[in-house]
Amino acid sequence: MIEIRTPRLILRRWHDDDLVPMADINADPRVMEWIRDGSVRDLEATADDIERWEEEWDEEGFGLFAVELLASGELIGFVGLSVPEFLPEVLPAVEIGWRLGQQFWGQGYASEAAHATLEFALQDRGLDRVISITRPGNEASQNVMRKLGMEPERETTHPVYGHALTVYAIDLTEFAA
């Protein structure tokens, strides 16, 4: 089983007891503000999400890690890799993404976990390029992308929701692991 430890976090596959805390994160309008159309996700939708994320692990050999605090074991959200099938114009591509509970924002957890995930992408999965997709105005996510060394690559429009998107990218051969 894949597990990555950073100084403060454990990145791992999903457990059954992650459902309720992840559903709580997905039910927060501030967390979901920049995701899809901004709608919150309930327990059933979160269960479907986790099932899909686990299937991606099995099919692709990578996926979204459940992220927990090393000190307490508390689930704080996810960080990981996925295929951005919702945006066919960037395919084939692998996207790095994250979603943390609001109480964990501004503490460097997203950057710490994302950095470890990029190392995993390069060293363990042999990926040579990773993208990240955000909406203009989502400064917090853009800051994480910049900290990872990612650069804006293109502007586009979400094919379903119609809002603007910015695609960031990094060539992992230049990534400072």
C-alpha atoms as a PDB file:
ATOM      1  CA  MET A   1       0.000   0.000   0.000  1.00  0.00           C
ATOM      2  CA  ILE A   2       1.332   3.398  -0.963  1.00  0.00           C
ATOM      3  CA  GLU A   3       1.961   5.814   1.879  1.00  0.00           C
ATOM      4  CA  ILE A   4       4.020   8.987   1.879  1.00  0.00           C
ATOM      5  CA  ARG A   5       5.133  10.747   5.053  1.00  0.00           C
ATOM      6  CA  THR A   6       6.152  14.367   5.202  1.00  0.00           C
ATOM      7  CA  PRO A   7       7.258  16.210   8.341  1.00  0.00           C
ATOM      8  CA  ARG A   8       3.619  16.859   9.339  1.00  0.00           C
ATOM      9  CA  LEU A   9       1.422  14.685   7.119  1.00  0.00           C
ATOM     10  CA  ILE A  10       0.606  11.186   5.938  1.00  0.00           C
ATOM     11  CA  LEU A  11      -0.601  10.791   2.349  1.00  0.00           C
ATOM     12  CA  ARG A  12      -2.354   7.448   1.895  1.00  0.00           C
ATOM     13  CA  ARG A  13      -5.156   5.534   0.197  1.00  0.00           C
ATOM     14  CA  TRP A  14      -8.716   5.979   1.430  1.00  0.00           C
ATOM     15  CA  HIS A  15     -10.254   4.186   4.438  1.00  0.00           C
ATOM     16  CA  ASP A  16     -13.948   3.681   5.209  1.00  0.00           C
ATOM     17  CA  ASP A  17     -13.744   6.044   8.183  1.00  0.00           C
ATOM     18  CA  ASP A  18     -12.608   8.888   5.877  1.00  0.00           C
ATOM     19  CA  LEU A  19     -16.111   9.274   4.421  1.00  0.00           C
ATOM     20  CA  VAL A  20     -17.697  11.438   7.117  1.00  0.00           C
ATOM     21  CA  PRO A  21     -14.789  13.872   7.580  1.00  0.00           C
ATOM     22  CA  MET A  22     -14.386  14.241   3.787  1.00  0.00           C
ATOM     23  CA  ALA A  23     -18.147  14.794   3.443  1.00  0.00           C
ATOM     24  CA  ASP A  24     -17.886  17.529   6.084  1.00  0.00           C
ATOM     25  CA  ILE A  25     -15.136  19.203   4.033  1.00  0.00           C
ATOM     26  CA  ASN A  26     -17.219  18.888   0.842  1.00  0.00           C
ATOM     27  CA  ALA A  27     -20.261  20.371   2.599  1.00  0.00           C
ATOM     28  CA  ASP A  28     -18.453  23.663   3.311  1.00  0.00           C
ATOM     29  CA  PRO A  29     -19.430  26.359   0.767  1.00  0.00           C
ATOM     30  CA  ARG A  30     -16.089  28.171   1.230  1.00  0.00           C
ATOM     31  CA  VAL A  31     -14.157  24.994   0.405  1.00  0.00           C
ATOM     32  CA  MET A  32     -16.282  24.321  -2.678  1.00  0.00           C
ATOM     33  CA  GLU A  33     -16.419  27.937  -3.913  1.00  0.00           C
ATOM     34  CA  TRP A  34     -13.891  27.390  -6.741  1.00  0.00           C
ATOM     35  CA  ILE A  35     -14.793  23.772  -7.587  1.00  0.00           C
ATOM     36  CA  ARG A  36     -17.117  22.905 -10.473  1.00  0.00           C
ATOM     37  CA  ASP A  37     -20.119  25.237 -10.126  1.00  0.00           C
ATOM     38  CA  GLY A  38     -19.472  25.897  -6.420  1.00  0.00           C
ATOM     39  CA  SER A  39     -22.102  23.449  -5.180  1.00  0.00           C
ATOM     40  CA  VAL A  40     -21.434  21.558  -1.976  1.00  0.00           C
ATOM     41  CA  ARG A  41     -21.375  17.748  -1.994  1.00  0.00           C
ATOM     42  CA  ASP A  42     -23.359  15.584   0.410  1.00  0.00           C
ATOM     43  CA  LEU A  43     -22.430  12.266   2.040  1.00  0.00           C
ATOM     44  CA  GLU A  44     -23.665  10.166  -0.896  1.00  0.00           C
ATOM     45  CA  ALA A  45     -21.826  12.281  -3.490  1.00  0.00           C
ATOM     46  CA  THR A  46     -18.666  12.133  -1.371  1.00  0.00           C
ATOM     47  CA  ALA A  47     -18.951   8.326  -1.149  1.00  0.00           C
ATOM     48  CA  ASP A  48     -19.226   8.233  -4.955  1.00  0.00           C
ATOM     49  CA  ASP A  49     -16.188  10.529  -5.222  1.00  0.00           C
ATOM     50  CA  ILE A  50     -14.053   8.337  -2.950  1.00  0.00           C
ATOM     51  CA  GLU A  51     -15.094   5.221  -4.863  1.00  0.00           C
ATOM     52  CA  ARG A  52     -14.103   6.901  -8.152  1.00  0.00           C
ATOM     53  CA  TRP A  53     -10.790   8.091  -6.670  1.00  0.00           C
ATOM     54  CA  GLU A  54      -9.963   4.574  -5.504  1.00  0.00           C
ATOM     55  CA  GLU A  55     -10.850   3.177  -8.955  1.00  0.00           C
ATOM     56  CA  GLU A  56      -8.419   5.658 -10.509  1.00  0.00           C
ATOM     57  CA  TRP A  57      -5.693   4.328  -8.215  1.00  0.00           C
ATOM     58  CA  ASP A  58      -6.419   0.810  -9.443  1.00  0.00           C
ATOM     59  CA  GLU A  59      -6.615   1.807 -13.130  1.00  0.00           C
ATOM     60  CA  GLU A  60      -3.864   4.446 -13.390  1.00  0.00           C
ATOM     61  CA  GLY A  61      -1.454   3.577 -10.593  1.00  0.00           C
ATOM     62  CA  PHE A  62      -1.943   7.019  -9.077  1.00  0.00           C
ATOM     63  CA  GLY A  63      -4.793   8.981  -7.563  1.00  0.00           C
ATOM     64  CA  LEU A  64      -5.915  11.358  -4.879  1.00  0.00           C
ATOM     65  CA  PHE A  65      -4.298  10.717  -1.518  1.00  0.00           C
ATOM     66  CA  ALA A  66      -6.263  11.052   1.695  1.00  0.00           C
ATOM     67  CA  VAL A  67      -4.181  13.484   3.768  1.00  0.00           C
ATOM     68  CA  GLU A  68      -4.028  13.180   7.527  1.00  0.00           C
ATOM     69  CA  LEU A  69      -2.158  15.045  10.193  1.00  0.00           C
ATOM     70  CA  LEU A  70       0.747  12.945  11.422  1.00  0.00           C
ATOM     71  CA  ALA A  71       0.337  14.171  15.022  1.00  0.00           C
ATOM     72  CA  SER A  72      -3.387  13.405  15.410  1.00  0.00           C
ATOM     73  CA  GLY A  73      -4.455  11.138  12.547  1.00  0.00           C
ATOM     74  CA  GLU A  74      -7.159  13.665  11.611  1.00  0.00           C
ATOM     75  CA  LEU A  75      -8.206  13.685   7.940  1.00  0.00           C
ATOM     76  CA  ILE A  76      -7.659  17.182   6.533  1.00  0.00           C
ATOM     77  CA  GLY A  77      -8.645  16.560   2.887  1.00  0.00           C
ATOM     78  CA  PHE A  78      -6.930  15.282  -0.231  1.00  0.00           C
ATOM     79  CA  VAL A  79      -3.961  16.013  -2.462  1.00  0.00           C
ATOM     80  CA  GLY A  80      -3.042  13.925  -5.437  1.00  0.00           C
ATOM     81  CA  LEU A  81      -2.970  13.107  -9.111  1.00  0.00           C
ATOM     82  CA  SER A  82      -5.838  12.515 -11.513  1.00  0.00           C
ATOM     83  CA  VAL A  83      -6.618  12.504 -15.214  1.00  0.00           C
ATOM     84  CA  PRO A  84      -8.616  15.707 -15.947  1.00  0.00           C
ATOM     85  CA  GLU A  85     -11.160  14.039 -18.236  1.00  0.00           C
ATOM     86  CA  PHE A  86     -13.560  16.991 -17.807  1.00  0.00           C
ATOM     87  CA  LEU A  87     -11.185  19.098 -19.941  1.00  0.00           C
ATOM     88  CA  PRO A  88     -10.424  17.026 -23.076  1.00  0.00           C
ATOM     89  CA  GLU A  89      -8.298  19.754 -24.685  1.00  0.00           C
ATOM     90  CA  VAL A  90      -5.445  19.131 -22.200  1.00  0.00           C
ATOM     91  CA  LEU A  91      -5.396  15.348 -22.579  1.00  0.00           C
ATOM     92  CA  PRO A  92      -3.314  13.334 -22.321  1.00  0.00           C
ATOM     93  CA  ALA A  93      -2.364  14.966 -19.047  1.00  0.00           C
ATOM     94  CA  VAL A  94      -2.099  14.283 -15.345  1.00  0.00           C
ATOM     95  CA  GLU A  95      -3.351  16.952 -12.968  1.00  0.00           C
ATOM     96  CA  ILE A  96      -2.289  17.627  -9.404  1.00  0.00           C
ATOM     97  CA  GLY A  97      -5.092  18.900  -7.214  1.00  0.00           C
ATOM     98  CA  TRP A  98      -6.004  19.467  -3.581  1.00  0.00           C
ATOM     99  CA  ARG A  99      -8.941  20.152  -1.314  1.00  0.00           C
ATOM    100  CA  LEU A 100      -8.446  20.792   2.385  1.00  0.00           C
ATOM    101  CA  GLY A 101     -10.860  21.634   5.155  1.00  0.00           C
ATOM    102  CA  GLN A 102     -11.053  25.362   5.797  1.00  0.00           C
ATOM    103  CA  GLN A 103      -9.555  25.065   9.287  1.00  0.00           C
ATOM    104  CA  PHE A 104      -6.364  23.723   7.665  1.00  0.00           C
ATOM    105  CA  TRP A 105      -5.857  26.575   5.212  1.00  0.00           C
ATOM    106  CA  GLY A 106      -2.902  28.940   5.478  1.00  0.00           C
ATOM    107  CA  GLN A 107      -0.636  26.497   7.323  1.00  0.00           C
ATOM    108  CA  GLY A 108       1.376  25.194   4.380  1.00  0.00           C
ATOM    109  CA  TYR A 109      -0.254  21.762   4.354  1.00  0.00           C
ATOM    110  CA  ALA A 110      -1.370  21.948   0.710  1.00  0.00           C
ATOM    111  CA  SER A 111       2.123  22.951  -0.445  1.00  0.00           C
ATOM    112  CA  GLU A 112       3.796  20.293   1.715  1.00  0.00           C
ATOM    113  CA  ALA A 113       1.530  17.508   0.448  1.00  0.00           C
ATOM    114  CA  ALA A 114       1.624  18.736  -3.164  1.00  0.00           C
ATOM    115  CA  HIS A 115       5.429  18.843  -3.158  1.00  0.00           C
ATOM    116  CA  ALA A 116       5.530  15.236  -1.899  1.00  0.00           C
ATOM    117  CA  THR A 117       2.979  14.288  -4.573  1.00  0.00           C
ATOM    118  CA  LEU A 118       5.123  15.811  -7.334  1.00  0.00           C
ATOM    119  CA  GLU A 119       8.120  13.827  -6.052  1.00  0.00           C
ATOM    120  CA  PHE A 120       5.926  10.704  -6.184  1.00  0.00           C
ATOM    121  CA  ALA A 121       4.820  11.589  -9.740  1.00  0.00           C
ATOM    122  CA  LEU A 122       8.404  11.983 -10.941  1.00  0.00           C
ATOM    123  CA  GLN A 123      10.293   9.367  -8.956  1.00  0.00           C
ATOM    124  CA  ASP A 124       7.730   6.595  -8.440  1.00  0.00           C
ATOM    125  CA  ARG A 125       5.438   6.982 -11.448  1.00  0.00           C
ATOM    126  CA  GLY A 126       7.889   8.335 -14.009  1.00  0.00           C
ATOM    127  CA  LEU A 127       5.695  11.222 -15.102  1.00  0.00           C
ATOM    128  CA  ASP A 128       7.558  13.987 -16.906  1.00  0.00           C
ATOM    129  CA  ARG A 129       4.869  16.680 -16.814  1.00  0.00           C
ATOM    130  CA  VAL A 130       2.009  17.605 -14.504  1.00  0.00           C
ATOM    131  CA  ILE A 131      -0.646  20.279 -14.840  1.00  0.00           C
ATOM    132  CA  SER A 132      -2.974  21.983 -12.397  1.00  0.00           C
ATOM    133  CA  ILE A 133      -6.223  23.716 -13.272  1.00  0.00           C
ATOM    134  CA  THR A 134      -7.768  26.621 -11.414  1.00  0.00           C
ATOM    135  CA  ARG A 135     -10.183  29.466 -11.855  1.00  0.00           C
ATOM    136  CA  PRO A 136      -8.878  33.043 -12.080  1.00  0.00           C
ATOM    137  CA  GLY A 137      -9.239  34.637  -8.676  1.00  0.00           C
ATOM    138  CA  ASN A 138      -8.435  31.500  -6.690  1.00  0.00           C
ATOM    139  CA  GLU A 139      -5.305  33.078  -5.264  1.00  0.00           C
ATOM    140  CA  ALA A 140      -4.712  30.423  -2.603  1.00  0.00           C
ATOM    141  CA  SER A 141      -4.460  27.613  -5.155  1.00  0.00           C
ATOM    142  CA  GLN A 142      -2.426  29.772  -7.523  1.00  0.00           C
ATOM    143  CA  ASN A 143       0.024  30.449  -4.693  1.00  0.00           C
ATOM    144  CA  VAL A 144       0.476  26.708  -4.145  1.00  0.00           C
ATOM    145  CA  MET A 145       1.030  26.226  -7.878  1.00  0.00           C
ATOM    146  CA  ARG A 146       3.694  28.943  -7.929  1.00  0.00           C
ATOM    147  CA  LYS A 147       5.421  27.446  -4.856  1.00  0.00           C
ATOM    148  CA  LEU A 148       5.624  24.167  -6.777  1.00  0.00           C
ATOM    149  CA  GLY A 149       7.324  25.951  -9.677  1.00  0.00           C
ATOM    150  CA  MET A 150       4.311  25.696 -11.966  1.00  0.00           C
ATOM    151  CA  GLU A 151       3.752  28.342 -14.633  1.00  0.00           C
ATOM    152  CA  PRO A 152       0.533  29.427 -16.374  1.00  0.00           C
ATOM    153  CA  GLU A 153       0.319  27.601 -19.687  1.00  0.00           C
ATOM    154  CA  ARG A 154      -3.078  28.463 -21.157  1.00  0.00           C
ATOM    155  CA  GLU A 155      -6.421  30.115 -20.553  1.00  0.00           C
ATOM    156  CA  THR A 156      -9.562  28.194 -21.434  1.00  0.00           C
ATOM    157  CA  THR A 157     -13.218  27.795 -20.504  1.00  0.00           C
ATOM    158  CA  HIS A 158     -14.839  25.031 -18.466  1.00  0.00           C
ATOM    159  CA  PRO A 159     -16.778  22.950 -21.037  1.00  0.00           C
ATOM    160  CA  VAL A 160     -19.738  22.369 -18.688  1.00  0.00           C
ATOM    161  CA  TYR A 161     -19.939  25.417 -16.404  1.00  0.00           C
ATOM    162  CA  GLY A 162     -18.626  28.046 -18.817  1.00  0.00           C
ATOM    163  CA  HIS A 163     -16.317  29.845 -16.406  1.00  0.00           C
ATOM    164  CA  ALA A 164     -12.723  30.781 -17.175  1.00  0.00           C
ATOM    165  CA  LEU A 165      -9.930  28.374 -16.261  1.00  0.00           C
ATOM    166  CA  THR A 166      -6.166  28.742 -16.121  1.00  0.00           C
ATOM    167  CA  VAL A 167      -4.004  25.692 -16.749  1.00  0.00           C
ATOM    168  CA  TYR A 168      -0.637  25.694 -14.975  1.00  0.00           C
ATOM    169  CA  ALA A 169       2.120  23.195 -15.829  1.00  0.00           C
ATOM    170  CA  ILE A 170       5.498  21.979 -14.695  1.00  0.00           C
ATOM    171  CA  ASP A 171       8.081  19.875 -16.494  1.00  0.00           C
ATOM    172  CA  LEU A 172       9.093  17.461 -13.761  1.00  0.00           C
ATOM    173  CA  THR A 173      12.589  17.072 -15.214  1.00  0.00           C
ATOM    174  CA  GLU A 174      13.107  20.619 -13.893  1.00  0.00           C
ATOM    175  CA  PHE A 175      11.318  20.024 -10.578  1.00  0.00           C
ATOM    176  CA  ALA A 176      13.504  20.509  -7.526  1.00  0.00           C
ATOM    177  CA  ALA A 177      12.521  17.399  -5.567  1.00  0.00           C
END
